[in-house]
Amino acid sequence: MVLTRRDKEQLVIKLHQQGKTIREIAHAAHLSFSDIGMIIRRANGHDKDGDIETKDLKDKSTATKALFLFSVGKKPIEVAIELNLSASEVQSLLEEFWALNDHELAVVYNEVKAFLPSFLKLFHCLKERRVLDEKHIFKFLRYANYDLSDLMNRVQCLTNDVINLEGQKRNLLDKLILWNAQLSDLGRAIDIKNQQLKRMGK
């Protein structure tokens, strides 16, 4: 059955009243986070800027209280303590807050959260090297555009070349040491012969 726009709006409101998360609503209604946010704001009687009414919060749901606290700048840890929520509950409500405010971070977070550990490692690596400015990131992305397997092969080839050159260098040093020893032996032999010749000349 194909849902009309009106059907989807009613479904969004119903699921929101049931306490469903923004992600669950999006999955059920096949709507974007921003569309869901507009429907919920309109249903709750919020103005066009998405301002949340501050009165009568005592009678509101925990989710509404959390959204209000986020809207006035409270940190997730502060919301968790004040409302006695778990980390996962606060995270879910924070994502909903982002979505309701058309925050790009909600979309970005959902795209990268499966790779968040790797993403954070990359971020900290770039931060430590002080290359988080636009110029360095652009250069980084430009190099990342190339075939990474080819770049890795080139690096491996160059590494092998360096290893080979180091081996040749060690061999030449060994030969040089040997030749110096042979020259020393030859010099001593010549000195001995010269001394013998001098004695014979007497």
Protein backbone atom coordinates (compact mmCIF):
# COMPACT_ATOMS: atom_id res chain seq x y z
CA MET A 1 0.00 0.00 0.00
CA VAL A 2 1.37 3.40 -1.04
CA LEU A 3 1.05 6.05 1.66
CA THR A 4 -0.01 9.56 0.74
CA ARG A 5 1.79 12.57 2.15
CA ARG A 6 -1.02 13.01 4.67
CA ASP A 7 -0.80 9.34 5.69
CA LYS A 8 2.94 9.69 6.23
CA GLU A 9 2.47 12.81 8.36
CA GLN A 10 -0.09 11.02 10.54
CA LEU A 11 2.25 8.02 10.83
CA VAL A 12 5.13 10.27 11.87
CA ILE A 13 3.02 11.95 14.57
CA LYS A 14 1.73 8.60 15.83
CA LEU A 15 5.19 7.04 16.04
CA HIS A 16 6.61 10.16 17.69
CA GLN A 17 3.88 10.06 20.34
CA GLN A 18 4.77 6.40 20.93
CA GLY A 19 8.31 7.49 21.75
CA LYS A 20 9.97 6.10 18.62
CA THR A 21 13.36 7.50 17.67
CA ILE A 22 13.85 9.67 14.60
CA ARG A 23 15.67 6.80 12.89
CA GLU A 24 12.83 4.37 13.52
CA ILE A 25 10.31 6.89 12.21
CA ALA A 26 12.39 7.52 9.09
CA HIS A 27 12.56 3.78 8.41
CA ALA A 28 8.81 3.31 8.82
CA ALA A 29 7.62 6.41 6.96
CA HIS A 30 10.37 6.55 4.33
CA LEU A 31 10.99 10.23 4.97
CA SER A 32 14.15 12.24 5.53
CA PHE A 33 15.16 13.47 8.97
CA SER A 34 14.45 17.08 7.98
CA ASP A 35 10.93 16.23 6.72
CA ILE A 36 10.19 14.35 9.94
CA GLY A 37 11.51 17.28 11.95
CA MET A 38 9.21 19.75 10.20
CA ILE A 39 6.17 17.48 10.71
CA ILE A 40 6.90 17.06 14.43
CA ARG A 41 7.56 20.76 14.95
CA ARG A 42 4.31 21.63 13.23
CA ALA A 43 2.38 19.00 15.21
CA ASN A 44 3.82 20.28 18.50
CA GLY A 45 2.88 23.85 17.67
CA HIS A 46 6.43 25.14 17.49
CA ASP A 47 7.08 28.26 15.47
CA LYS A 48 8.91 28.22 12.15
CA ASP A 49 12.29 28.63 13.84
CA GLY A 50 11.76 25.46 15.84
CA ASP A 51 11.75 27.23 19.23
CA ILE A 52 10.59 24.95 22.04
CA GLU A 53 8.12 26.36 24.53
CA THR A 54 9.65 26.35 27.98
CA LYS A 55 6.46 26.32 30.05
CA ASP A 56 4.90 23.23 31.61
CA LEU A 57 8.00 21.08 31.05
CA LYS A 58 7.18 19.10 34.17
CA ASP A 59 4.28 17.48 32.34
CA LYS A 60 6.31 16.75 29.21
CA SER A 61 7.94 13.46 28.29
CA THR A 62 11.57 12.73 29.08
CA ALA A 63 12.38 13.02 25.37
CA THR A 64 10.85 16.50 25.19
CA LYS A 65 12.76 17.59 28.29
CA ALA A 66 16.00 16.28 26.78
CA LEU A 67 15.37 18.11 23.51
CA PHE A 68 14.71 21.32 25.43
CA LEU A 69 17.92 20.92 27.43
CA PHE A 70 19.91 20.40 24.23
CA SER A 71 18.26 23.48 22.74
CA VAL A 72 19.51 25.66 25.61
CA GLY A 73 23.06 24.40 25.23
CA LYS A 74 23.26 21.58 27.78
CA LYS A 75 25.94 18.97 27.16
CA PRO A 76 25.00 15.28 26.73
CA ILE A 77 26.56 14.39 30.11
CA GLU A 78 24.50 17.12 31.80
CA VAL A 79 21.29 15.87 30.16
CA ALA A 80 22.09 12.29 31.18
CA ILE A 81 22.59 13.30 34.82
CA GLU A 82 19.59 15.62 35.03
CA LEU A 83 17.14 13.17 33.44
CA ASN A 84 18.77 9.95 34.68
CA LEU A 85 19.30 8.60 31.15
CA SER A 86 21.75 6.00 29.85
CA ALA A 87 24.46 6.91 27.36
CA SER A 88 22.61 5.16 24.52
CA GLU A 89 19.36 7.00 25.32
CA VAL A 90 21.11 10.36 25.38
CA GLN A 91 22.90 9.57 22.11
CA SER A 92 19.60 8.66 20.44
CA LEU A 93 17.93 11.85 21.67
CA LEU A 94 20.91 13.95 20.61
CA GLU A 95 20.65 12.53 17.08
CA GLU A 96 16.94 13.37 17.13
CA PHE A 97 17.75 16.92 18.25
CA TRP A 98 20.20 17.32 15.37
CA ALA A 99 17.63 16.01 12.90
CA LEU A 100 14.85 18.26 14.21
CA ASN A 101 17.13 21.25 13.70
CA ASP A 102 18.09 20.16 10.17
CA HIS A 103 21.62 19.72 11.51
CA GLU A 104 24.01 18.31 8.91
CA LEU A 105 25.82 16.51 11.71
CA ALA A 106 22.89 14.08 12.04
CA VAL A 107 23.35 12.96 8.44
CA VAL A 108 27.14 12.85 8.68
CA TYR A 109 27.07 10.89 11.94
CA ASN A 110 24.73 8.26 10.49
CA GLU A 111 27.01 7.88 7.48
CA VAL A 112 30.27 7.48 9.41
CA LYS A 113 29.23 5.88 12.71
CA ALA A 114 29.91 2.35 11.41
CA PHE A 115 33.48 3.50 10.72
CA LEU A 116 33.75 5.86 13.70
CA PRO A 117 36.89 4.29 15.29
CA SER A 118 38.79 4.53 11.99
CA PHE A 119 37.38 8.00 11.33
CA LEU A 120 38.54 9.21 14.75
CA LYS A 121 42.00 7.68 14.26
CA LEU A 122 42.30 9.56 10.98
CA PHE A 123 41.10 12.78 12.62
CA HIS A 124 43.58 12.52 15.51
CA CYS A 125 46.39 11.61 13.11
CA LEU A 126 45.71 14.71 11.00
CA LYS A 127 45.32 16.83 14.12
CA GLU A 128 48.66 15.69 15.59
CA ARG A 129 50.36 16.60 12.33
CA ARG A 130 48.52 19.92 12.21
CA VAL A 131 47.11 19.29 8.75
CA LEU A 132 43.41 19.88 9.45
CA ASP A 133 43.27 23.13 7.49
CA GLU A 134 41.47 23.23 4.15
CA LYS A 135 44.69 23.34 2.11
CA HIS A 136 46.12 20.15 3.60
CA ILE A 137 42.80 18.31 3.57
CA PHE A 138 42.34 19.17 -0.12
CA LYS A 139 45.82 17.83 -0.86
CA PHE A 140 45.12 14.71 1.21
CA LEU A 141 41.88 14.04 -0.69
CA ARG A 142 43.62 14.65 -4.02
CA TYR A 143 46.18 11.96 -3.26
CA ALA A 144 43.46 9.69 -1.90
CA ASN A 145 41.79 9.96 -5.31
CA TYR A 146 44.54 7.85 -6.84
CA ASP A 147 44.43 4.08 -6.85
CA LEU A 148 45.68 3.28 -3.35
CA SER A 149 46.80 -0.21 -4.38
CA ASP A 150 49.07 1.34 -7.05
CA LEU A 151 50.48 3.79 -4.53
CA MET A 152 51.12 0.98 -2.07
CA ASN A 153 52.86 -1.04 -4.79
CA ARG A 154 55.06 1.95 -5.63
CA VAL A 155 55.94 2.41 -1.97
CA GLN A 156 56.78 -1.29 -1.69
CA CYS A 157 58.97 -1.13 -4.81
CA LEU A 158 60.82 1.91 -3.48
CA THR A 159 61.23 0.18 -0.12
CA ASN A 160 62.71 -2.86 -1.86
CA ASP A 161 65.06 -0.59 -3.83
CA VAL A 162 66.26 1.02 -0.60
CA ILE A 163 66.82 -2.41 0.96
CA ASN A 164 68.80 -3.54 -2.10
CA LEU A 165 70.92 -0.38 -2.06
CA GLU A 166 71.61 -0.86 1.64
CA GLY A 167 72.71 -4.44 0.89
CA GLN A 168 75.01 -3.26 -1.90
CA LYS A 169 76.43 -0.61 0.41
CA ARG A 170 77.24 -3.22 3.06
CA ASN A 171 78.89 -5.46 0.45
CA LEU A 172 81.04 -2.59 -0.82
CA LEU A 173 82.06 -1.69 2.74
CA ASP A 174 83.04 -5.32 3.37
CA LYS A 175 85.11 -5.33 0.17
CA LEU A 176 86.73 -2.03 1.12
CA ILE A 177 87.70 -3.41 4.53
CA LEU A 178 89.12 -6.52 2.85
CA TRP A 179 91.11 -4.47 0.33
CA ASN A 180 92.49 -2.26 3.11
CA ALA A 181 93.59 -5.35 5.00
CA GLN A 182 95.24 -6.76 1.84
CA LEU A 183 97.00 -3.44 1.23
CA SER A 184 98.27 -3.44 4.80
CA ASP A 185 99.57 -7.00 4.37
CA LEU A 186 101.20 -6.04 1.07
CA GLY A 187 102.78 -2.97 2.67
CA ARG A 188 104.27 -5.07 5.46
CA ALA A 189 105.56 -7.61 2.94
CA ILE A 190 107.23 -4.82 0.96
CA ASP A 191 108.84 -3.43 4.13
CA ILE A 192 110.19 -6.88 4.98
CA LYS A 193 111.63 -7.29 1.48
CA ASN A 194 113.23 -3.84 1.61
CA GLN A 195 114.86 -4.67 4.92
CA GLN A 196 116.16 -7.95 3.49
CA LEU A 197 117.58 -6.14 0.46
CA LYS A 198 119.30 -3.60 2.67
CA ARG A 199 120.94 -6.34 4.71
CA MET A 200 122.07 -8.11 1.54
CA GLY A 201 123.53 -4.83 0.23
CA LYS A 202 125.73 -4.46 3.29
